[in-house]
């Protein structure tokens, strides 16, 4: 799994990191680190909505950041 897979999933539908992890069958540590990196770089952002994870904790739903210039820059650099 890589950041592009996360971006593809979030393009389809805003999701929590846990939901993407489950859909992509990825490891928590890798998934969490990539979400953190994408958020710090402004590629993704929180929606302000929270949902329960599979462990019962609340997690923010993430989406592709607006404006999408950060996404374009990210994809060009890959």
PDB file of N, CA and C in Angstrom:
ATOM      1  N   UNK A   1       0.839  -1.186   0.000  1.00  0.00           N
ATOM      2  CA  UNK A   1       0.000   0.000   0.000  1.00  0.00           C
ATOM      3  C   UNK A   1       0.878   1.241   0.000  1.00  0.00           C
ATOM      4  N   UNK A   2       0.380   2.295  -0.638  1.00  0.00           N
ATOM      5  CA  UNK A   2       1.084   3.567  -0.615  1.00  0.00           C
ATOM      6  C   UNK A   2       0.075   4.711  -0.524  1.00  0.00           C
ATOM      7  N   UNK A   3       0.598   5.934  -0.493  1.00  0.00           N
ATOM      8  CA  UNK A   3      -0.266   7.106  -0.326  1.00  0.00           C
ATOM      9  C   UNK A   3      -1.268   7.251  -1.460  1.00  0.00           C
ATOM     10  N   UNK A   4      -0.894   6.836  -2.667  1.00  0.00           N
ATOM     11  CA  UNK A   4      -1.823   6.945  -3.796  1.00  0.00           C
ATOM     12  C   UNK A   4      -3.070   6.097  -3.567  1.00  0.00           C
ATOM     13  N   UNK A   5      -2.895   4.937  -2.936  1.00  0.00           N
ATOM     14  CA  UNK A   5      -4.061   4.093  -2.637  1.00  0.00           C
ATOM     15  C   UNK A   5      -5.008   4.797  -1.672  1.00  0.00           C
ATOM     16  N   UNK A   6      -4.443   5.468  -0.673  1.00  0.00           N
ATOM     17  CA  UNK A   6      -5.264   6.219   0.282  1.00  0.00           C
ATOM     18  C   UNK A   6      -6.008   7.332  -0.438  1.00  0.00           C
ATOM     19  N   UNK A   7      -5.303   8.055  -1.289  1.00  0.00           N
ATOM     20  CA  UNK A   7      -5.924   9.158  -2.031  1.00  0.00           C
ATOM     21  C   UNK A   7      -7.052   8.643  -2.918  1.00  0.00           C
ATOM     22  N   UNK A   8      -6.843   7.516  -3.573  1.00  0.00           N
ATOM     23  CA  UNK A   8      -7.903   6.935  -4.418  1.00  0.00           C
ATOM     24  C   UNK A   8      -9.139   6.623  -3.590  1.00  0.00           C
ATOM     25  N   UNK A   9      -8.931   6.039  -2.412  1.00  0.00           N
ATOM     26  CA  UNK A   9     -10.069   5.710  -1.547  1.00  0.00           C
ATOM     27  C   UNK A   9     -10.794   6.974  -1.087  1.00  0.00           C
ATOM     28  N   UNK A  10     -10.041   7.999  -0.702  1.00  0.00           N
ATOM     29  CA  UNK A  10     -10.670   9.239  -0.230  1.00  0.00           C
ATOM     30  C   UNK A  10     -11.328  10.010  -1.367  1.00  0.00           C
ATOM     31  N   UNK A  11     -10.855   9.816  -2.589  1.00  0.00           N
ATOM     32  CA  UNK A  11     -11.499  10.437  -3.753  1.00  0.00           C
ATOM     33  C   UNK A  11     -12.859   9.797  -3.980  1.00  0.00           C
ATOM     34  N   UNK A  12     -12.939   8.497  -3.754  1.00  0.00           N
ATOM     35  CA  UNK A  12     -14.214   7.788  -3.906  1.00  0.00           C
ATOM     36  C   UNK A  12     -15.208   8.210  -2.836  1.00  0.00           C
ATOM     37  N   UNK A  13     -14.703   8.320  -1.596  1.00  0.00           N
ATOM     38  CA  UNK A  13     -15.597   8.633  -0.486  1.00  0.00           C
ATOM     39  C   UNK A  13     -14.794   9.070   0.733  1.00  0.00           C
ATOM     40  N   UNK A  14     -15.152  10.195   1.350  1.00  0.00           N
ATOM     41  CA  UNK A  14     -14.477  10.570   2.593  1.00  0.00           C
ATOM     42  C   UNK A  14     -14.584   9.418   3.602  1.00  0.00           C
ATOM     43  N   UNK A  15     -13.506   9.142   4.307  1.00  0.00           N
ATOM     44  CA  UNK A  15     -13.447   7.985   5.198  1.00  0.00           C
ATOM     45  C   UNK A  15     -12.518   8.257   6.364  1.00  0.00           C
ATOM     46  N   UNK A  16     -12.656   7.456   7.404  1.00  0.00           N
ATOM     47  CA  UNK A  16     -11.689   7.504   8.499  1.00  0.00           C
ATOM     48  C   UNK A  16     -10.464   6.680   8.089  1.00  0.00           C
ATOM     49  N   UNK A  17      -9.359   6.895   8.803  1.00  0.00           N
ATOM     50  CA  UNK A  17      -8.156   6.099   8.545  1.00  0.00           C
ATOM     51  C   UNK A  17      -8.450   4.622   8.763  1.00  0.00           C
ATOM     52  N   UNK A  18      -9.248   4.308   9.767  1.00  0.00           N
ATOM     53  CA  UNK A  18      -9.596   2.922  10.058  1.00  0.00           C
ATOM     54  C   UNK A  18     -10.388   2.298   8.910  1.00  0.00           C
ATOM     55  N   UNK A  19     -11.316   3.047   8.327  1.00  0.00           N
ATOM     56  CA  UNK A  19     -12.108   2.529   7.210  1.00  0.00           C
ATOM     57  C   UNK A  19     -11.220   2.246   6.000  1.00  0.00           C
ATOM     58  N   UNK A  20     -10.291   3.156   5.721  1.00  0.00           N
ATOM     59  CA  UNK A  20      -9.370   2.950   4.592  1.00  0.00           C
ATOM     60  C   UNK A  20      -8.457   1.756   4.877  1.00  0.00           C
ATOM     61  N   UNK A  21      -7.966   1.673   6.092  1.00  0.00           N
ATOM     62  CA  UNK A  21      -7.110   0.547   6.485  1.00  0.00           C
ATOM     63  C   UNK A  21      -7.831  -0.774   6.240  1.00  0.00           C
ATOM     64  N   UNK A  22      -9.084  -0.842   6.637  1.00  0.00           N
ATOM     65  CA  UNK A  22      -9.876  -2.060   6.459  1.00  0.00           C
ATOM     66  C   UNK A  22     -10.111  -2.354   4.969  1.00  0.00           C
ATOM     67  N   UNK A  23     -10.469  -1.342   4.188  1.00  0.00           N
ATOM     68  CA  UNK A  23     -10.722  -1.528   2.751  1.00  0.00           C
ATOM     69  C   UNK A  23      -9.476  -2.009   2.021  1.00  0.00           C
ATOM     70  N   UNK A  24      -8.303  -1.452   2.405  1.00  0.00           N
ATOM     71  CA  UNK A  24      -7.058  -1.781   1.713  1.00  0.00           C
ATOM     72  C   UNK A  24      -6.304  -2.937   2.367  1.00  0.00           C
ATOM     73  N   UNK A  25      -6.846  -3.452   3.464  1.00  0.00           N
ATOM     74  CA  UNK A  25      -6.202  -4.550   4.186  1.00  0.00           C
ATOM     75  C   UNK A  25      -4.747  -4.201   4.517  1.00  0.00           C
ATOM     76  N   UNK A  26      -4.548  -3.033   5.089  1.00  0.00           N
ATOM     77  CA  UNK A  26      -3.200  -2.564   5.398  1.00  0.00           C
ATOM     78  C   UNK A  26      -2.917  -2.624   6.895  1.00  0.00           C
ATOM     79  N   UNK A  27      -1.662  -2.464   7.245  1.00  0.00           N
ATOM     80  CA  UNK A  27      -1.232  -2.447   8.636  1.00  0.00           C
ATOM     81  C   UNK A  27      -1.535  -1.083   9.252  1.00  0.00           C
ATOM     82  N   UNK A  28      -1.935  -1.074  10.513  1.00  0.00           N
ATOM     83  CA  UNK A  28      -2.286   0.169  11.196  1.00  0.00           C
ATOM     84  C   UNK A  28      -1.138   1.171  11.199  1.00  0.00           C
ATOM     85  N   UNK A  29       0.071   0.723  11.530  1.00  0.00           N
ATOM     86  CA  UNK A  29       1.198   1.648  11.642  1.00  0.00           C
ATOM     87  C   UNK A  29       1.491   2.346  10.317  1.00  0.00           C
ATOM     88  N   UNK A  30       1.490   1.599   9.236  1.00  0.00           N
ATOM     89  CA  UNK A  30       1.750   2.173   7.911  1.00  0.00           C
ATOM     90  C   UNK A  30       0.646   3.136   7.505  1.00  0.00           C
ATOM     91  N   UNK A  31      -0.577   2.707   7.685  1.00  0.00           N
ATOM     92  CA  UNK A  31      -1.742   3.505   7.313  1.00  0.00           C
ATOM     93  C   UNK A  31      -1.770   4.815   8.101  1.00  0.00           C
ATOM     94  N   UNK A  32      -1.576   4.721   9.405  1.00  0.00           N
ATOM     95  CA  UNK A  32      -1.604   5.894  10.270  1.00  0.00           C
ATOM     96  C   UNK A  32      -0.509   6.890   9.890  1.00  0.00           C
ATOM     97  N   UNK A  33       0.682   6.387   9.632  1.00  0.00           N
ATOM     98  CA  UNK A  33       1.802   7.261   9.259  1.00  0.00           C
ATOM     99  C   UNK A  33       1.527   7.986   7.943  1.00  0.00           C
ATOM    100  N   UNK A  34       0.950   7.277   6.992  1.00  0.00           N
ATOM    101  CA  UNK A  34       0.649   7.902   5.697  1.00  0.00           C
ATOM    102  C   UNK A  34      -0.451   8.949   5.830  1.00  0.00           C
ATOM    103  N   UNK A  35      -1.478   8.671   6.623  1.00  0.00           N
ATOM    104  CA  UNK A  35      -2.542   9.659   6.854  1.00  0.00           C
ATOM    105  C   UNK A  35      -1.949  10.914   7.494  1.00  0.00           C
ATOM    106  N   UNK A  36      -1.085  10.729   8.488  1.00  0.00           N
ATOM    107  CA  UNK A  36      -0.466  11.871   9.165  1.00  0.00           C
ATOM    108  C   UNK A  36       0.360  12.690   8.191  1.00  0.00           C
ATOM    109  N   UNK A  37       1.150  12.039   7.371  1.00  0.00           N
ATOM    110  CA  UNK A  37       1.983  12.736   6.386  1.00  0.00           C
ATOM    111  C   UNK A  37       1.126  13.497   5.376  1.00  0.00           C
ATOM    112  N   UNK A  38       0.093  12.851   4.844  1.00  0.00           N
ATOM    113  CA  UNK A  38      -0.788  13.514   3.873  1.00  0.00           C
ATOM    114  C   UNK A  38      -1.484  14.723   4.490  1.00  0.00           C
ATOM    115  N   UNK A  39      -1.892  14.608   5.748  1.00  0.00           N
ATOM    116  CA  UNK A  39      -2.561  15.719   6.419  1.00  0.00           C
ATOM    117  C   UNK A  39      -1.594  16.878   6.656  1.00  0.00           C
ATOM    118  N   UNK A  40      -0.385  16.580   7.105  1.00  0.00           N
ATOM    119  CA  UNK A  40       0.617  17.628   7.350  1.00  0.00           C
ATOM    120  C   UNK A  40       0.977  18.373   6.067  1.00  0.00           C
ATOM    121  N   UNK A  41       0.976  17.664   4.942  1.00  0.00           N
ATOM    122  CA  UNK A  41       1.326  18.285   3.656  1.00  0.00           C
ATOM    123  C   UNK A  41       0.138  18.971   3.000  1.00  0.00           C
ATOM    124  N   UNK A  42      -1.049  18.878   3.621  1.00  0.00           N
ATOM    125  CA  UNK A  42      -2.224  19.564   3.097  1.00  0.00           C
ATOM    126  C   UNK A  42      -2.925  18.848   1.964  1.00  0.00           C
ATOM    127  N   UNK A  43      -2.607  17.584   1.763  1.00  0.00           N
ATOM    128  CA  UNK A  43      -3.243  16.820   0.692  1.00  0.00           C
ATOM    129  C   UNK A  43      -4.638  16.369   1.120  1.00  0.00           C
ATOM    130  N   UNK A  44      -4.781  16.010   2.404  1.00  0.00           N
ATOM    131  CA  UNK A  44      -6.087  15.621   2.941  1.00  0.00           C
ATOM    132  C   UNK A  44      -6.414  16.503   4.141  1.00  0.00           C
ATOM    133  N   UNK A  45      -7.687  16.543   4.483  1.00  0.00           N
ATOM    134  CA  UNK A  45      -8.136  17.353   5.622  1.00  0.00           C
ATOM    135  C   UNK A  45      -9.324  16.676   6.282  1.00  0.00           C
ATOM    136  N   UNK A  46      -9.559  17.050   7.537  1.00  0.00           N
ATOM    137  CA  UNK A  46     -10.709  16.531   8.257  1.00  0.00           C
ATOM    138  C   UNK A  46     -11.986  17.208   7.805  1.00  0.00           C
ATOM    139  N   UNK A  47     -13.080  16.475   7.889  1.00  0.00           N
ATOM    140  CA  UNK A  47     -14.381  17.025   7.491  1.00  0.00           C
ATOM    141  C   UNK A  47     -15.123  17.649   8.668  1.00  0.00           C
ATOM    142  N   UNK A  48     -14.663  17.339   9.895  1.00  0.00           N
ATOM    143  CA  UNK A  48     -15.386  17.782  11.079  1.00  0.00           C
ATOM    144  C   UNK A  48     -16.420  16.765  11.551  1.00  0.00           C
ATOM    145  N   UNK A  49     -16.597  15.707  10.777  1.00  0.00           N
ATOM    146  CA  UNK A  49     -17.495  14.612  11.133  1.00  0.00           C
ATOM    147  C   UNK A  49     -16.668  13.479  11.725  1.00  0.00           C
ATOM    148  N   UNK A  50     -17.226  12.814  12.730  1.00  0.00           N
ATOM    149  CA  UNK A  50     -16.538  11.700  13.384  1.00  0.00           C
ATOM    150  C   UNK A  50     -17.392  10.450  13.320  1.00  0.00           C
ATOM    151  N   UNK A  51     -16.714   9.291  13.171  1.00  0.00           N
ATOM    152  CA  UNK A  51     -17.405   7.996  13.188  1.00  0.00           C
ATOM    153  C   UNK A  51     -16.622   7.042  14.089  1.00  0.00           C
ATOM    154  N   UNK A  52     -17.305   6.030  14.573  1.00  0.00           N
ATOM    155  CA  UNK A  52     -16.644   5.025  15.401  1.00  0.00           C
ATOM    156  C   UNK A  52     -15.761   4.126  14.546  1.00  0.00           C
ATOM    157  N   UNK A  53     -14.588   3.806  15.098  1.00  0.00           N
ATOM    158  CA  UNK A  53     -13.702   2.835  14.454  1.00  0.00           C
ATOM    159  C   UNK A  53     -14.166   1.435  14.820  1.00  0.00           C
ATOM    160  N   UNK A  54     -13.492   0.439  14.261  1.00  0.00           N
ATOM    161  CA  UNK A  54     -13.817  -0.952  14.596  1.00  0.00           C
ATOM    162  C   UNK A  54     -13.532  -1.256  16.060  1.00  0.00           C
ATOM    163  N   UNK A  55     -12.679  -0.437  16.688  1.00  0.00           N
ATOM    164  CA  UNK A  55     -12.353  -0.616  18.114  1.00  0.00           C
ATOM    165  C   UNK A  55     -13.281   0.195  19.020  1.00  0.00           C
ATOM    166  N   UNK A  56     -14.228   0.925  18.407  1.00  0.00           N
ATOM    167  CA  UNK A  56     -15.195   1.687  19.186  1.00  0.00           C
ATOM    168  C   UNK A  56     -14.770   3.102  19.536  1.00  0.00           C
ATOM    169  N   UNK A  57     -13.613   3.527  19.059  1.00  0.00           N
ATOM    170  CA  UNK A  57     -13.149   4.900  19.303  1.00  0.00           C
ATOM    171  C   UNK A  57     -13.662   5.815  18.200  1.00  0.00           C
ATOM    172  N   UNK A  58     -13.708   7.104  18.502  1.00  0.00           N
ATOM    173  CA  UNK A  58     -14.161   8.072  17.502  1.00  0.00           C
ATOM    174  C   UNK A  58     -12.970   8.531  16.659  1.00  0.00           C
ATOM    175  N   UNK A  59     -13.175   8.615  15.350  1.00  0.00           N
ATOM    176  CA  UNK A  59     -12.130   9.049  14.426  1.00  0.00           C
ATOM    177  C   UNK A  59     -12.734  10.027  13.433  1.00  0.00           C
ATOM    178  N   UNK A  60     -11.949  11.039  13.077  1.00  0.00           N
ATOM    179  CA  UNK A  60     -12.438  12.037  12.129  1.00  0.00           C
ATOM    180  C   UNK A  60     -12.458  11.479  10.716  1.00  0.00           C
ATOM    181  N   UNK A  61     -13.503  11.818   9.996  1.00  0.00           N
ATOM    182  CA  UNK A  61     -13.622  11.464   8.588  1.00  0.00           C
ATOM    183  C   UNK A  61     -12.736  12.434   7.800  1.00  0.00           C
ATOM    184  N   UNK A  62     -11.910  11.882   6.919  1.00  0.00           N
ATOM    185  CA  UNK A  62     -10.969  12.680   6.130  1.00  0.00           C
ATOM    186  C   UNK A  62     -11.422  12.738   4.674  1.00  0.00           C
ATOM    187  N   UNK A  63     -10.997  13.798   3.992  1.00  0.00           N
ATOM    188  CA  UNK A  63     -11.315  13.974   2.567  1.00  0.00           C
ATOM    189  C   UNK A  63     -10.116  14.619   1.880  1.00  0.00           C
ATOM    190  N   UNK A  64     -10.175  14.661   0.565  1.00  0.00           N
ATOM    191  CA  UNK A  64      -9.153  15.363  -0.201  1.00  0.00           C
ATOM    192  C   UNK A  64      -9.301  16.844   0.119  1.00  0.00           C
ATOM    193  N   UNK A  65      -8.178  17.502   0.401  1.00  0.00           N
ATOM    194  CA  UNK A  65      -8.194  18.907   0.816  1.00  0.00           C
ATOM    195  C   UNK A  65      -8.660  19.813  -0.317  1.00  0.00           C
ATOM    196  N   UNK A  66      -9.328  20.869   0.065  1.00  0.00           N
ATOM    197  CA  UNK A  66      -9.735  21.924  -0.878  1.00  0.00           C
ATOM    198  C   UNK A  66      -8.916  23.161  -0.593  1.00  0.00           C
ATOM    199  N   UNK A  67      -8.398  23.870  -1.545  1.00  0.00           N
ATOM    200  CA  UNK A  67      -8.406  23.510  -2.965  1.00  0.00           C
ATOM    201  C   UNK A  67      -7.476  22.333  -3.233  1.00  0.00           C
ATOM    202  N   UNK A  68      -7.664  21.698  -4.354  1.00  0.00           N
ATOM    203  CA  UNK A  68      -6.943  20.463  -4.644  1.00  0.00           C
ATOM    204  C   UNK A  68      -5.558  20.697  -5.234  1.00  0.00           C
ATOM    205  N   UNK A  69      -5.010  21.907  -5.118  1.00  0.00           N
ATOM    206  CA  UNK A  69      -3.669  22.167  -5.642  1.00  0.00           C
ATOM    207  C   UNK A  69      -2.630  21.294  -4.964  1.00  0.00           C
ATOM    208  N   UNK A  70      -2.784  21.001  -3.686  1.00  0.00           N
ATOM    209  CA  UNK A  70      -1.841  20.136  -2.989  1.00  0.00           C
ATOM    210  C   UNK A  70      -1.857  18.736  -3.578  1.00  0.00           C
ATOM    211  N   UNK A  71      -3.038  18.255  -3.970  1.00  0.00           N
ATOM    212  CA  UNK A  71      -3.147  16.944  -4.572  1.00  0.00           C
ATOM    213  C   UNK A  71      -2.421  16.921  -5.911  1.00  0.00           C
ATOM    214  N   UNK A  72      -2.610  17.962  -6.709  1.00  0.00           N
ATOM    215  CA  UNK A  72      -1.934  18.046  -8.002  1.00  0.00           C
ATOM    216  C   UNK A  72      -0.426  18.049  -7.849  1.00  0.00           C
ATOM    217  N   UNK A  73       0.075  18.812  -6.898  1.00  0.00           N
ATOM    218  CA  UNK A  73       1.519  18.850  -6.628  1.00  0.00           C
ATOM    219  C   UNK A  73       2.015  17.482  -6.194  1.00  0.00           C
ATOM    220  N   UNK A  74       1.258  16.821  -5.338  1.00  0.00           N
ATOM    221  CA  UNK A  74       1.638  15.497  -4.851  1.00  0.00           C
ATOM    222  C   UNK A  74       1.740  14.520  -6.019  1.00  0.00           C
ATOM    223  N   UNK A  75       0.736  14.500  -6.864  1.00  0.00           N
ATOM    224  CA  UNK A  75       0.716  13.550  -7.970  1.00  0.00           C
ATOM    225  C   UNK A  75       1.811  13.840  -8.983  1.00  0.00           C
ATOM    226  N   UNK A  76       2.158  15.100  -9.183  1.00  0.00           N
ATOM    227  CA  UNK A  76       3.230  15.453 -10.120  1.00  0.00           C
ATOM    228  C   UNK A  76       4.585  14.994  -9.600  1.00  0.00           C
ATOM    229  N   UNK A  77       4.762  14.979  -8.296  1.00  0.00           N
ATOM    230  CA  UNK A  77       6.045  14.617  -7.710  1.00  0.00           C
ATOM    231  C   UNK A  77       6.234  13.111  -7.579  1.00  0.00           C
ATOM    232  N   UNK A  78       5.240  12.338  -7.907  1.00  0.00           N
ATOM    233  CA  UNK A  78       5.346  10.872  -7.774  1.00  0.00           C
ATOM    234  C   UNK A  78       5.930  10.262  -9.013  1.00  0.00           C
TER     235      UNK A  78
END
